[in-house]
Amino acid sequence: MVVPLLLGILALPAAQPIADVRYDFENSPEKGSLLSFRGGEGARGDSGSLVADGRLSLLEPWWRSWYAAALPAPSGPPAQVAEIEWTSVMGKGSEGIGMVWLPVDRDPSEMAKAVVWEEPSCPGALSLGFDASNPPTQEPFRGSGNIHGRPEHEASLHWDGRERIKRTTKTDFRDMRPHRFRTRIEQVSGGSEVSLWIDRERVFDRHFVADLHPYSGRPVFGGRNGETSGEAFIDDVRIKLGRPADPVPAPRSVVLFDRVLNDKDHHRNESVVSLPENADPYARIVLTLKLEDAPAGIDPWDRLAHLWLLDDRGGKWEVARYITPYRKGWEWKMDVTDLGPLLQGKKRFIQECVTYAEGWLVTAKLDYYPGRRDRIPYRIDRLWSGAPEIGNPDKPVSSFFVPRSLSTDPQTVGAKVRTVVTGHGMLPNSQNAAEFMPIGRTLKVNGRSYRNRLWKTDNYLNPCRPQSGTWKYDRAGWAPGDVVQPWEVDVSHLARGRRTLKAEYALDPYVNEGRGKTWAPFHQTESYLILYRKP
């Protein structure tokens, strides 16, 4: 067993940390301080403690087995900031390990049996997974997602029973060398921001997780072996809890669409809703978008879809762009706070998706969380909007991306260019443009250049997996079953005070040698300039 060293006491003033607890697995066991669990073939082994030689043996060389250990919970209320760190030694052969920050009122034994430890989705809990096995495949429709043969060391973040994000790490943590893992969970308006480091690599950088509010937890570590086996060890665990969390105010919720039918006969749904008259008092605005099976079934194809807003002058603004999954429903949550100047007052919304099959039931909701911000978006100007053909010398894309000059105001303290582009079209367009063709692009603002490559390479790690169809392949800025993330460039240093911003956008050279043979390749584009002021 392990003896925790309490370095902070609950009786300290509220501004002080709640606790700083360490487990080094060197001290004499204390009855009841650590709970261990085994299952599968591993249960046939020694049923004694998993602690030996000054460390926690999280996986032993038994195939088809899992192991888990629950550490004691630090005392005290939920913290505004919680940090959990540990050292892990892990070899190849296992499926992987995970850490669940389990609510103190939950039974760890039931949870340990229910989760898949390398991808530990646990209802009501935050968890991290470290996947050591994602074998490459040549199967385009089935099997694992690793169609491009990428490295098999991946980290995932899970909240409330669902994976939220997964990434390949630069660090190969399966080399039987000690690596230091650290996660930081910080309360913010509307949820929490989660960061993860492996040694010096920052895998997740303040990743916003909506509705993740502070709770009192305990760390539970676990690992799993499949058809092959490997070892894994945990040591030097430290839990640091900051000052008590702030009260969580209830958001103001506005339903935009409630399970409306979007199928071959219903390509467009409209609604008029009353939003808050002023979005400034809200620190964060979260959009929830959900697709469910339609009565006749669910669409088997990936479709381009939009959530639009019409302003008082008839202007059409894109609040979200999403690509439907292959024959699957899903739910996403997006931070749309920067669109606050649009998301106020009485507005008309349009949900649009052209499909020729069964379709979905679509729900959309906005949650406004009160609070303060360092800066507030107060003006949004359109830069470029449309779907220009690319690769046609007779229709140069430069005629669409005409340079734009916009003036700021004396109150301007910041500015951001927000660009959403997805490429569509394929063979016989040359280079499989535009869906399957990467292309470089340059944004210039007042002569300053910012480079980006329109190419999404983590589709095979999309939490909405597996799917039917070719969901796993890289694409030009999008993935089936995902919302499209904007390319955001902060140009605040160029915008403060009254001055003019000149924005230019250009693609690297490309000529479509397959013109006229099929649908022309195009880039669906929405680009806005967002200006900020002081609260």
Protein backbone atom coordinates (compact mmCIF):
# COMPACT_ATOMS: atom_id res chain seq x y z
CA MET A 1 0.00 0.00 0.00
CA VAL A 2 0.96 3.64 -0.37
CA VAL A 3 1.13 6.39 2.24
CA PRO A 4 0.10 9.84 0.93
CA LEU A 5 2.07 12.86 2.15
CA LEU A 6 -0.38 15.72 2.60
CA LEU A 7 1.56 18.91 2.00
CA GLY A 8 -1.47 21.22 1.89
CA ILE A 9 -4.36 21.30 4.35
CA LEU A 10 -8.01 22.07 3.70
CA ALA A 11 -7.98 24.60 6.55
CA LEU A 12 -5.69 26.93 4.59
CA PRO A 13 -7.24 30.17 3.28
CA ALA A 14 -9.28 29.84 0.10
CA ALA A 15 -6.55 31.48 -1.99
CA GLN A 16 -4.10 28.73 -0.99
CA PRO A 17 -3.85 25.26 -2.57
CA ILE A 18 -6.15 22.59 -1.18
CA ALA A 19 -3.65 19.75 -1.26
CA ASP A 20 -0.38 18.43 -2.63
CA VAL A 21 -0.32 14.63 -2.36
CA ARG A 22 2.45 12.23 -3.41
CA TYR A 23 2.67 8.47 -3.82
CA ASP A 24 6.15 7.04 -4.26
CA PHE A 25 5.25 3.33 -3.67
CA GLU A 26 8.22 2.97 -1.34
CA ASN A 27 6.52 3.18 2.07
CA SER A 28 5.02 0.30 3.99
CA PRO A 29 1.49 -0.58 2.84
CA GLU A 30 -1.38 0.90 4.79
CA LYS A 31 -4.56 -1.11 4.79
CA GLY A 32 -7.20 0.27 2.46
CA SER A 33 -5.11 3.06 0.91
CA LEU A 34 -4.84 1.46 -2.54
CA LEU A 35 -7.33 -0.81 -4.31
CA SER A 36 -6.15 -3.13 -7.08
CA PHE A 37 -8.14 -5.10 -9.64
CA ARG A 38 -7.38 -7.70 -12.31
CA GLY A 39 -9.34 -9.41 -15.04
CA GLY A 40 -8.99 -11.86 -17.91
CA GLU A 41 -5.96 -14.11 -18.09
CA GLY A 42 -4.12 -11.82 -15.68
CA ALA A 43 -6.49 -12.85 -12.90
CA ARG A 44 -4.88 -16.27 -12.95
CA GLY A 45 -1.58 -14.86 -11.77
CA ASP A 46 -0.46 -13.82 -8.32
CA SER A 47 -3.43 -12.20 -6.59
CA GLY A 48 -1.23 -10.14 -4.27
CA SER A 49 -0.58 -6.41 -4.39
CA LEU A 50 0.46 -4.78 -7.66
CA VAL A 51 3.03 -2.75 -5.72
CA ALA A 52 6.54 -4.22 -5.78
CA ASP A 53 10.11 -2.94 -5.98
CA GLY A 54 9.02 0.60 -5.24
CA ARG A 55 6.58 0.95 -8.13
CA LEU A 56 3.10 0.00 -9.27
CA SER A 57 3.10 -2.89 -11.73
CA LEU A 58 0.23 -1.85 -13.98
CA LEU A 59 0.64 -4.60 -16.60
CA GLU A 60 2.27 -7.99 -16.42
CA PRO A 61 3.06 -10.31 -19.38
CA TRP A 62 -0.33 -12.02 -19.54
CA TRP A 63 -2.28 -11.80 -22.79
CA ARG A 64 -6.01 -10.95 -22.80
CA SER A 65 -5.82 -9.30 -19.41
CA TRP A 66 -6.37 -5.99 -17.68
CA TYR A 67 -5.09 -4.47 -14.45
CA ALA A 68 -6.16 -1.38 -12.51
CA ALA A 69 -5.29 0.42 -9.28
CA ALA A 70 -7.29 3.14 -7.52
CA LEU A 71 -5.33 5.58 -5.36
CA PRO A 72 -6.87 7.32 -2.35
CA ALA A 73 -8.74 10.56 -2.99
CA PRO A 74 -7.19 13.80 -1.73
CA SER A 75 -9.47 15.41 0.81
CA GLY A 76 -11.13 18.71 0.14
CA PRO A 77 -13.64 20.37 -2.18
CA PRO A 78 -13.38 20.47 -5.98
CA ALA A 79 -10.45 22.61 -7.10
CA GLN A 80 -10.28 25.34 -9.70
CA VAL A 81 -7.03 23.78 -10.96
CA ALA A 82 -6.08 20.13 -10.61
CA GLU A 83 -2.77 18.65 -11.76
CA ILE A 84 -2.02 14.94 -11.86
CA GLU A 85 1.42 13.72 -12.84
CA TRP A 86 3.19 10.41 -12.82
CA THR A 87 6.10 8.50 -14.29
CA SER A 88 5.33 5.60 -16.59
CA VAL A 89 7.53 2.87 -18.04
CA MET A 90 5.85 0.99 -20.85
CA GLY A 91 6.86 -1.61 -23.41
CA LYS A 92 5.52 -2.61 -26.78
CA GLY A 93 3.11 -5.51 -26.97
CA SER A 94 0.34 -4.11 -24.80
CA GLU A 95 -2.76 -2.33 -26.03
CA GLY A 96 -1.99 0.59 -23.72
CA ILE A 97 -2.75 2.27 -20.40
CA GLY A 98 -5.04 4.99 -19.09
CA MET A 99 -5.81 7.28 -16.17
CA VAL A 100 -9.35 8.09 -14.99
CA TRP A 101 -10.00 11.01 -12.66
CA LEU A 102 -12.87 9.18 -10.99
CA PRO A 103 -15.49 11.02 -8.90
CA VAL A 104 -15.04 10.09 -5.24
CA ASP A 105 -18.56 8.69 -4.95
CA ARG A 106 -18.04 6.15 -7.75
CA ASP A 107 -17.07 2.50 -7.28
CA PRO A 108 -13.64 2.00 -8.91
CA SER A 109 -14.08 -1.77 -9.17
CA GLU A 110 -17.14 -1.46 -11.42
CA MET A 111 -15.49 1.24 -13.52
CA ALA A 112 -12.26 -0.76 -13.90
CA LYS A 113 -14.15 -3.67 -15.46
CA ALA A 114 -16.17 -1.49 -17.83
CA VAL A 115 -13.60 0.70 -19.59
CA VAL A 116 -11.15 -0.12 -22.38
CA TRP A 117 -8.03 1.16 -20.71
CA GLU A 118 -6.15 2.53 -23.71
CA GLU A 119 -9.31 4.50 -24.60
CA PRO A 120 -10.94 4.88 -21.15
CA SER A 121 -14.33 6.49 -21.76
CA CYS A 122 -16.12 6.60 -18.40
CA PRO A 123 -19.48 8.33 -17.82
CA GLY A 124 -19.19 11.36 -15.55
CA ALA A 125 -15.38 11.32 -15.48
CA LEU A 126 -12.40 12.88 -17.22
CA SER A 127 -9.81 10.40 -18.44
CA LEU A 128 -6.69 10.09 -20.59
CA GLY A 129 -5.72 7.14 -22.74
CA PHE A 130 -2.34 6.12 -24.12
CA ASP A 131 -2.81 3.76 -27.03
CA ALA A 132 0.23 1.64 -27.86
CA SER A 133 -1.30 -0.44 -30.67
CA ASN A 134 -3.02 0.86 -33.81
CA PRO A 135 -1.73 -1.50 -36.51
CA PRO A 136 -1.54 -0.25 -40.10
CA THR A 137 -4.15 -1.58 -42.50
CA GLN A 138 -4.67 -1.70 -46.25
CA GLU A 139 -8.41 -2.24 -45.87
CA PRO A 140 -10.15 0.98 -47.07
CA PHE A 141 -13.52 0.34 -45.42
CA ARG A 142 -12.94 -1.94 -42.42
CA GLY A 143 -10.23 -2.79 -39.89
CA SER A 144 -8.27 -0.21 -37.95
CA GLY A 145 -8.14 3.38 -39.05
CA ASN A 146 -4.38 3.56 -39.56
CA ILE A 147 -4.54 3.45 -43.37
CA HIS A 148 -1.42 5.63 -43.76
CA GLY A 149 0.80 3.60 -41.40
CA ARG A 150 1.37 6.33 -38.86
CA PRO A 151 3.22 5.83 -35.52
CA GLU A 152 1.41 3.68 -32.96
CA HIS A 153 1.73 5.90 -29.91
CA GLU A 154 -1.40 7.99 -29.41
CA ALA A 155 -2.95 10.01 -26.59
CA SER A 156 -6.68 10.63 -26.18
CA LEU A 157 -8.82 12.83 -23.93
CA HIS A 158 -12.24 11.59 -22.76
CA TRP A 159 -15.07 13.24 -20.89
CA ASP A 160 -18.38 11.83 -19.72
CA GLY A 161 -18.21 8.55 -21.59
CA ARG A 162 -17.00 9.89 -24.93
CA GLU A 163 -13.63 10.50 -26.51
CA ARG A 164 -13.19 14.20 -27.33
CA ILE A 165 -9.82 14.30 -29.10
CA LYS A 166 -7.02 11.90 -30.02
CA ARG A 167 -3.53 12.66 -31.33
CA THR A 168 -0.36 10.86 -32.31
CA THR A 169 2.41 11.87 -29.92
CA LYS A 170 5.94 12.76 -30.93
CA THR A 171 7.14 10.83 -27.89
CA ASP A 172 7.24 7.06 -28.23
CA PHE A 173 6.23 6.21 -24.68
CA ARG A 174 6.50 2.43 -25.34
CA ASP A 175 10.30 2.19 -25.20
CA MET A 176 10.68 0.80 -21.62
CA ARG A 177 12.16 4.11 -20.53
CA PRO A 178 10.67 6.34 -17.84
CA HIS A 179 8.51 9.19 -19.18
CA ARG A 180 6.89 11.91 -17.11
CA PHE A 181 3.18 12.46 -17.78
CA ARG A 182 1.38 15.56 -16.50
CA THR A 183 -2.16 16.83 -17.01
CA ARG A 184 -3.62 20.15 -15.89
CA ILE A 185 -7.38 20.68 -15.61
CA GLU A 186 -8.36 24.32 -15.19
CA GLN A 187 -11.88 25.65 -14.64
CA VAL A 188 -13.03 28.24 -17.19
CA SER A 189 -16.43 29.58 -18.18
CA GLY A 190 -18.54 26.84 -19.73
CA GLY A 191 -16.23 23.96 -18.80
CA SER A 192 -12.51 23.36 -18.37
CA GLU A 193 -9.29 23.63 -20.34
CA VAL A 194 -7.17 20.47 -20.28
CA SER A 195 -3.46 20.29 -21.06
CA LEU A 196 -1.26 17.20 -21.30
CA TRP A 197 2.51 16.91 -21.38
CA ILE A 198 4.67 13.84 -21.97
CA ASP A 199 8.14 14.86 -20.84
CA ARG A 200 8.58 18.21 -22.64
CA GLU A 201 6.05 17.55 -25.38
CA ARG A 202 2.75 19.39 -24.96
CA VAL A 203 0.24 17.01 -26.51
CA PHE A 204 -2.92 18.99 -25.64
CA ASP A 205 -2.63 22.72 -25.09
CA ARG A 206 -5.53 24.15 -23.06
CA HIS A 207 -8.04 22.07 -24.99
CA PHE A 208 -11.51 23.33 -24.12
CA VAL A 209 -13.96 20.67 -22.91
CA ALA A 210 -17.50 21.99 -22.65
CA ASP A 211 -19.51 21.10 -19.52
CA LEU A 212 -16.46 19.68 -17.70
CA HIS A 213 -16.89 21.36 -14.33
CA PRO A 214 -14.68 20.72 -11.27
CA TYR A 215 -15.42 17.72 -9.08
CA SER A 216 -13.64 15.85 -6.29
CA GLY A 217 -11.82 12.89 -7.78
CA ARG A 218 -9.22 10.20 -7.32
CA PRO A 219 -6.81 8.79 -9.93
CA VAL A 220 -7.38 5.26 -11.17
CA PHE A 221 -4.69 3.81 -13.42
CA GLY A 222 -5.26 0.82 -15.64
CA GLY A 223 -3.79 -1.11 -18.57
CA ARG A 224 -4.77 -3.82 -21.01
CA ASN A 225 -3.09 -6.58 -22.98
CA GLY A 226 -4.75 -8.11 -26.01
CA GLU A 227 -3.52 -10.89 -28.29
CA THR A 228 0.03 -9.89 -27.40
CA SER A 229 1.32 -8.70 -24.05
CA GLY A 230 3.63 -6.09 -22.62
CA GLU A 231 4.59 -4.64 -19.28
CA ALA A 232 3.84 -1.22 -17.80
CA PHE A 233 4.79 0.44 -14.50
CA ILE A 234 3.66 3.57 -12.67
CA ASP A 235 5.71 5.52 -10.15
CA ASP A 236 6.02 8.91 -8.43
CA VAL A 237 2.39 10.03 -8.62
CA ARG A 238 1.66 13.58 -7.54
CA ILE A 239 -1.72 15.30 -7.23
CA LYS A 240 -1.86 19.07 -6.77
CA LEU A 241 -5.18 20.79 -6.12
CA GLY A 242 -5.44 24.58 -6.32
CA ARG A 243 -7.90 26.82 -4.53
CA PRO A 244 -11.56 25.78 -4.32
CA ALA A 245 -13.47 26.03 -7.57
CA ASP A 246 -15.76 28.93 -8.32
CA PRO A 247 -19.53 28.33 -8.36
CA VAL A 248 -20.76 27.25 -11.79
CA PRO A 249 -23.58 29.51 -12.99
CA ALA A 250 -26.29 27.93 -15.10
CA PRO A 251 -26.09 28.94 -18.76
CA ARG A 252 -28.86 30.62 -20.67
CA SER A 253 -29.88 28.03 -23.26
CA VAL A 254 -31.56 28.70 -26.60
CA VAL A 255 -32.72 25.81 -28.78
CA LEU A 256 -32.30 26.58 -32.47
CA PHE A 257 -33.58 23.29 -33.90
CA ASP A 258 -35.14 20.37 -32.04
CA ARG A 259 -34.81 17.06 -33.91
CA VAL A 260 -35.82 18.50 -37.28
CA LEU A 261 -35.79 16.15 -40.26
CA ASN A 262 -33.01 16.62 -42.80
CA ASP A 263 -33.34 14.06 -45.61
CA LYS A 264 -33.85 13.79 -49.38
CA ASP A 265 -37.10 15.75 -49.14
CA HIS A 266 -35.90 18.27 -46.55
CA HIS A 267 -32.58 19.89 -47.50
CA ARG A 268 -33.16 23.00 -45.44
CA ASN A 269 -34.71 23.86 -42.07
CA GLU A 270 -35.36 27.38 -40.78
CA SER A 271 -36.16 28.83 -37.38
CA VAL A 272 -36.48 32.27 -35.82
CA VAL A 273 -35.32 32.52 -32.20
CA SER A 274 -34.77 35.21 -29.60
CA LEU A 275 -31.16 35.24 -28.41
CA PRO A 276 -29.87 37.41 -25.55
CA GLU A 277 -30.12 41.08 -26.55
CA ASN A 278 -26.46 41.59 -25.70
CA ALA A 279 -23.83 38.84 -25.80
CA ASP A 280 -21.18 40.92 -23.97
CA PRO A 281 -22.02 39.68 -20.42
CA TYR A 282 -21.36 36.10 -21.48
CA ALA A 283 -17.82 34.78 -21.20
CA ARG A 284 -18.43 31.79 -23.47
CA ILE A 285 -21.02 30.68 -26.01
CA VAL A 286 -21.14 26.94 -26.74
CA LEU A 287 -22.94 25.41 -29.70
CA THR A 288 -24.19 21.83 -29.35
CA LEU A 289 -24.96 20.08 -32.63
CA LYS A 290 -26.46 16.60 -32.65
CA LEU A 291 -27.38 14.14 -35.44
CA GLU A 292 -29.71 11.20 -34.77
CA ASP A 293 -31.27 8.49 -36.91
CA ALA A 294 -34.15 9.66 -39.08
CA PRO A 295 -37.36 7.56 -39.02
CA ALA A 296 -36.43 5.91 -42.34
CA GLY A 297 -32.84 5.21 -41.26
CA ILE A 298 -29.62 7.20 -41.51
CA ASP A 299 -27.73 8.56 -44.50
CA PRO A 300 -24.91 6.25 -45.70
CA TRP A 301 -22.83 9.11 -47.16
CA ASP A 302 -20.69 11.98 -45.94
CA ARG A 303 -22.43 15.26 -46.82
CA LEU A 304 -21.39 18.89 -46.64
CA ALA A 305 -23.63 20.72 -44.16
CA HIS A 306 -23.96 24.19 -42.64
CA LEU A 307 -25.58 26.11 -39.82
CA TRP A 308 -26.21 29.64 -41.12
CA LEU A 309 -27.42 32.83 -39.46
CA LEU A 310 -29.20 35.67 -41.28
CA ASP A 311 -28.55 39.13 -39.90
CA ASP A 312 -30.96 42.09 -39.87
CA ARG A 313 -29.78 43.22 -43.33
CA GLY A 314 -30.13 39.79 -44.93
CA GLY A 315 -26.46 38.90 -44.66
CA LYS A 316 -25.74 35.18 -44.40
CA TRP A 317 -23.09 34.08 -41.88
CA GLU A 318 -21.77 30.59 -41.22
CA VAL A 319 -21.97 29.66 -37.54
CA ALA A 320 -20.74 26.09 -38.11
CA ARG A 321 -19.79 23.79 -40.95
CA TYR A 322 -19.91 20.06 -40.47
CA ILE A 323 -19.50 16.92 -42.54
CA THR A 324 -21.96 14.16 -41.74
CA PRO A 325 -20.62 10.73 -40.76
CA TYR A 326 -21.02 7.66 -42.94
CA ARG A 327 -24.20 6.00 -41.64
CA LYS A 328 -23.82 7.21 -38.07
CA GLY A 329 -25.14 9.82 -35.67
CA TRP A 330 -22.95 12.01 -33.46
CA GLU A 331 -22.82 15.05 -31.18
CA TRP A 332 -20.34 17.93 -31.19
CA LYS A 333 -19.78 20.94 -28.97
CA MET A 334 -18.12 24.05 -30.39
CA ASP A 335 -16.91 27.27 -28.80
CA VAL A 336 -18.50 30.02 -30.92
CA THR A 337 -17.84 32.94 -28.54
CA ASP A 338 -16.01 34.93 -31.23
CA LEU A 339 -19.28 35.12 -33.18
CA GLY A 340 -20.99 36.90 -30.27
CA PRO A 341 -21.78 40.11 -32.23
CA LEU A 342 -23.97 37.97 -34.50
CA LEU A 343 -25.45 35.75 -31.78
CA GLN A 344 -27.67 38.35 -30.14
CA GLY A 345 -31.19 39.63 -30.62
CA LYS A 346 -33.90 38.03 -32.75
CA LYS A 347 -32.29 35.98 -35.52
CA ARG A 348 -33.19 33.56 -38.30
CA PHE A 349 -31.15 30.33 -38.51
CA ILE A 350 -30.85 27.92 -41.42
CA GLN A 351 -29.72 24.30 -41.13
CA GLU A 352 -28.74 23.13 -44.61
CA CYS A 353 -27.55 19.81 -46.00
CA VAL A 354 -28.25 18.45 -49.48
CA THR A 355 -28.75 14.70 -49.33
CA TYR A 356 -30.51 12.17 -51.54
CA ALA A 357 -30.93 9.46 -48.92
CA GLU A 358 -32.49 8.82 -45.51
CA GLY A 359 -30.88 11.66 -43.58
CA TRP A 360 -30.87 12.61 -39.89
CA LEU A 361 -32.77 14.30 -37.10
CA VAL A 362 -30.86 17.49 -36.30
CA THR A 363 -30.72 19.33 -32.97
CA ALA A 364 -28.83 22.59 -32.39
CA LYS A 365 -28.58 24.58 -29.16
CA LEU A 366 -26.63 27.59 -27.89
CA ASP A 367 -25.53 27.85 -24.25
CA TYR A 368 -24.50 31.31 -22.98
CA TYR A 369 -22.29 31.16 -19.88
CA PRO A 370 -22.06 34.41 -17.86
CA GLY A 371 -18.66 35.74 -16.85
CA ARG A 372 -15.89 38.19 -17.63
CA ARG A 373 -13.37 38.21 -20.45
CA ASP A 374 -10.14 40.08 -21.16
CA ARG A 375 -11.49 41.23 -24.50
CA ILE A 376 -14.89 41.16 -26.23
CA PRO A 377 -15.60 40.69 -29.93
CA TYR A 378 -17.63 43.70 -31.04
CA ARG A 379 -17.49 43.69 -34.87
CA ILE A 380 -17.31 41.05 -37.61
CA ASP A 381 -16.52 41.94 -41.23
CA ARG A 382 -16.72 39.58 -44.17
CA LEU A 383 -13.54 38.97 -46.17
CA TRP A 384 -14.39 36.21 -48.66
CA SER A 385 -17.48 34.02 -48.97
CA GLY A 386 -18.29 31.47 -51.66
CA ALA A 387 -17.06 28.36 -53.48
CA PRO A 388 -14.42 29.32 -56.06
CA GLU A 389 -13.28 26.76 -58.61
CA ILE A 390 -9.58 26.01 -58.33
CA GLY A 391 -7.13 24.98 -61.05
CA ASN A 392 -8.88 26.68 -63.98
CA PRO A 393 -6.69 29.33 -65.73
CA ASP A 394 -9.84 30.75 -67.36
CA LYS A 395 -11.30 31.39 -63.89
CA PRO A 396 -8.29 32.33 -61.77
CA VAL A 397 -8.91 31.90 -58.08
CA SER A 398 -7.30 35.30 -57.55
CA SER A 399 -10.43 36.87 -59.05
CA PHE A 400 -12.36 35.50 -56.07
CA PHE A 401 -9.80 36.25 -53.36
CA VAL A 402 -9.65 39.97 -54.12
CA PRO A 403 -7.60 41.88 -51.51
CA ARG A 404 -9.81 43.50 -48.87
CA SER A 405 -9.08 46.65 -46.88
CA LEU A 406 -11.01 47.28 -43.67
CA SER A 407 -10.71 50.03 -41.07
CA THR A 408 -10.52 49.40 -37.35
CA ASP A 409 -11.87 51.72 -34.63
CA PRO A 410 -10.20 53.69 -31.82
CA GLN A 411 -11.56 51.11 -29.37
CA THR A 412 -9.95 48.17 -31.21
CA VAL A 413 -7.51 46.27 -29.00
CA GLY A 414 -7.33 43.03 -30.99
CA ALA A 415 -8.15 41.37 -34.30
CA LYS A 416 -8.35 37.88 -35.71
CA VAL A 417 -8.78 36.47 -39.21
CA ARG A 418 -11.05 33.39 -39.06
CA THR A 419 -11.06 31.31 -42.24
CA VAL A 420 -13.00 28.10 -42.86
CA VAL A 421 -12.11 26.28 -46.09
CA THR A 422 -12.88 22.74 -47.24
CA GLY A 423 -11.85 21.21 -50.57
CA HIS A 424 -14.34 19.21 -52.67
CA GLY A 425 -14.17 17.30 -55.96
CA MET A 426 -11.99 14.32 -56.97
CA LEU A 427 -10.77 12.19 -59.90
CA PRO A 428 -10.58 12.66 -62.83
CA ASN A 429 -9.53 16.12 -61.65
CA SER A 430 -5.74 15.99 -61.65
CA GLN A 431 -4.12 15.24 -58.28
CA ASN A 432 -7.55 14.10 -57.06
CA ALA A 433 -8.52 17.73 -56.42
CA ALA A 434 -9.84 19.16 -54.36
CA GLU A 435 -10.95 16.69 -51.67
CA PHE A 436 -7.81 14.56 -51.70
CA MET A 437 -5.22 17.18 -52.71
CA PRO A 438 -3.15 19.08 -50.14
CA ILE A 439 -2.32 22.63 -51.10
CA GLY A 440 -0.40 25.44 -49.48
CA ARG A 441 -1.96 28.83 -48.88
CA THR A 442 -0.80 32.24 -47.71
CA LEU A 443 -2.67 34.86 -45.76
CA LYS A 444 -1.15 38.35 -45.81
CA VAL A 445 -2.24 41.13 -43.48
CA ASN A 446 -0.57 44.49 -44.04
CA GLY A 447 2.24 42.65 -45.79
CA ARG A 448 2.83 40.10 -42.99
CA SER A 449 2.65 36.55 -44.35
CA TYR A 450 1.11 33.56 -42.55
CA ARG A 451 1.45 30.10 -44.11
CA ASN A 452 -0.82 27.09 -43.78
CA ARG A 453 -1.40 23.77 -45.57
CA LEU A 454 -5.00 22.86 -46.30
CA TRP A 455 -4.75 19.21 -45.31
CA LYS A 456 -6.20 17.28 -42.37
CA THR A 457 -4.07 14.26 -41.42
CA ASP A 458 -5.75 12.98 -38.25
CA ASN A 459 -9.04 11.73 -39.73
CA TYR A 460 -8.23 8.14 -38.70
CA LEU A 461 -8.21 9.37 -35.07
CA ASN A 462 -11.59 11.08 -35.34
CA PRO A 463 -13.58 10.21 -32.17
CA CYS A 464 -16.54 9.46 -34.45
CA ARG A 465 -15.09 6.09 -35.45
CA PRO A 466 -15.36 3.59 -36.91
CA GLN A 467 -17.67 4.52 -39.75
CA SER A 468 -18.66 3.04 -43.06
CA GLY A 469 -16.95 4.40 -46.17
CA THR A 470 -13.52 5.97 -46.52
CA TRP A 471 -13.67 7.94 -43.27
CA LYS A 472 -10.03 7.26 -42.38
CA TYR A 473 -8.30 9.01 -45.32
CA ASP A 474 -6.60 12.42 -45.15
CA ARG A 475 -8.61 15.23 -46.75
CA ALA A 476 -8.45 18.92 -47.67
CA GLY A 477 -9.43 20.50 -44.37
CA TRP A 478 -12.20 18.17 -43.20
CA ALA A 479 -13.15 14.72 -41.95
CA PRO A 480 -16.36 12.70 -42.30
CA GLY A 481 -18.23 12.93 -39.01
CA ASP A 482 -16.62 16.12 -37.75
CA VAL A 483 -17.15 19.85 -37.47
CA VAL A 484 -14.71 21.91 -39.54
CA GLN A 485 -12.13 23.80 -37.52
CA PRO A 486 -11.23 27.33 -38.64
CA TRP A 487 -7.74 28.53 -39.48
CA GLU A 488 -7.36 31.41 -37.02
CA VAL A 489 -4.62 34.05 -37.25
CA ASP A 490 -4.37 36.66 -34.49
CA VAL A 491 -3.29 39.98 -35.99
CA SER A 492 -3.87 42.12 -32.90
CA HIS A 493 -0.41 43.67 -33.15
CA LEU A 494 -1.42 45.14 -36.51
CA ALA A 495 -4.88 46.37 -35.53
CA ARG A 496 -4.79 48.38 -32.30
CA GLY A 497 -6.38 51.80 -32.59
CA ARG A 498 -7.77 53.33 -35.76
CA ARG A 499 -5.95 52.03 -38.82
CA THR A 500 -6.52 50.04 -42.00
CA LEU A 501 -5.98 46.31 -42.34
CA LYS A 502 -5.35 44.95 -45.83
CA ALA A 503 -6.02 41.21 -46.10
CA GLU A 504 -4.85 39.02 -48.99
CA TYR A 505 -5.27 35.27 -49.54
CA ALA A 506 -3.51 33.16 -52.17
CA LEU A 507 -3.20 29.47 -53.05
CA ASP A 508 -0.02 27.79 -54.26
CA PRO A 509 -0.01 27.20 -58.04
CA TYR A 510 -2.24 24.40 -59.31
CA VAL A 511 -3.66 23.62 -62.77
CA ASN A 512 -6.40 21.01 -63.16
CA GLU A 513 -5.44 18.93 -66.20
CA GLY A 514 -8.78 17.13 -65.98
CA ARG A 515 -10.99 20.17 -66.58
CA GLY A 516 -14.37 19.37 -68.08
CA LYS A 517 -14.27 15.65 -67.31
CA THR A 518 -16.22 15.84 -64.05
CA TRP A 519 -17.40 18.33 -61.45
CA ALA A 520 -14.91 21.12 -61.08
CA PRO A 521 -12.86 21.13 -57.86
CA PHE A 522 -13.75 23.95 -55.48
CA HIS A 523 -12.88 25.40 -52.08
CA GLN A 524 -15.92 26.17 -49.93
CA THR A 525 -14.83 29.37 -48.19
CA GLU A 526 -16.00 31.61 -45.37
CA SER A 527 -13.47 34.14 -44.04
CA TYR A 528 -14.20 36.84 -41.45
CA LEU A 529 -12.26 39.56 -39.67
CA ILE A 530 -13.18 39.75 -35.98
CA LEU A 531 -12.37 42.90 -33.98
CA TYR A 532 -12.13 43.04 -30.17
CA ARG A 533 -12.41 45.77 -27.55
CA LYS A 534 -11.95 46.01 -23.79
CA PRO A 535 -14.91 44.90 -21.60
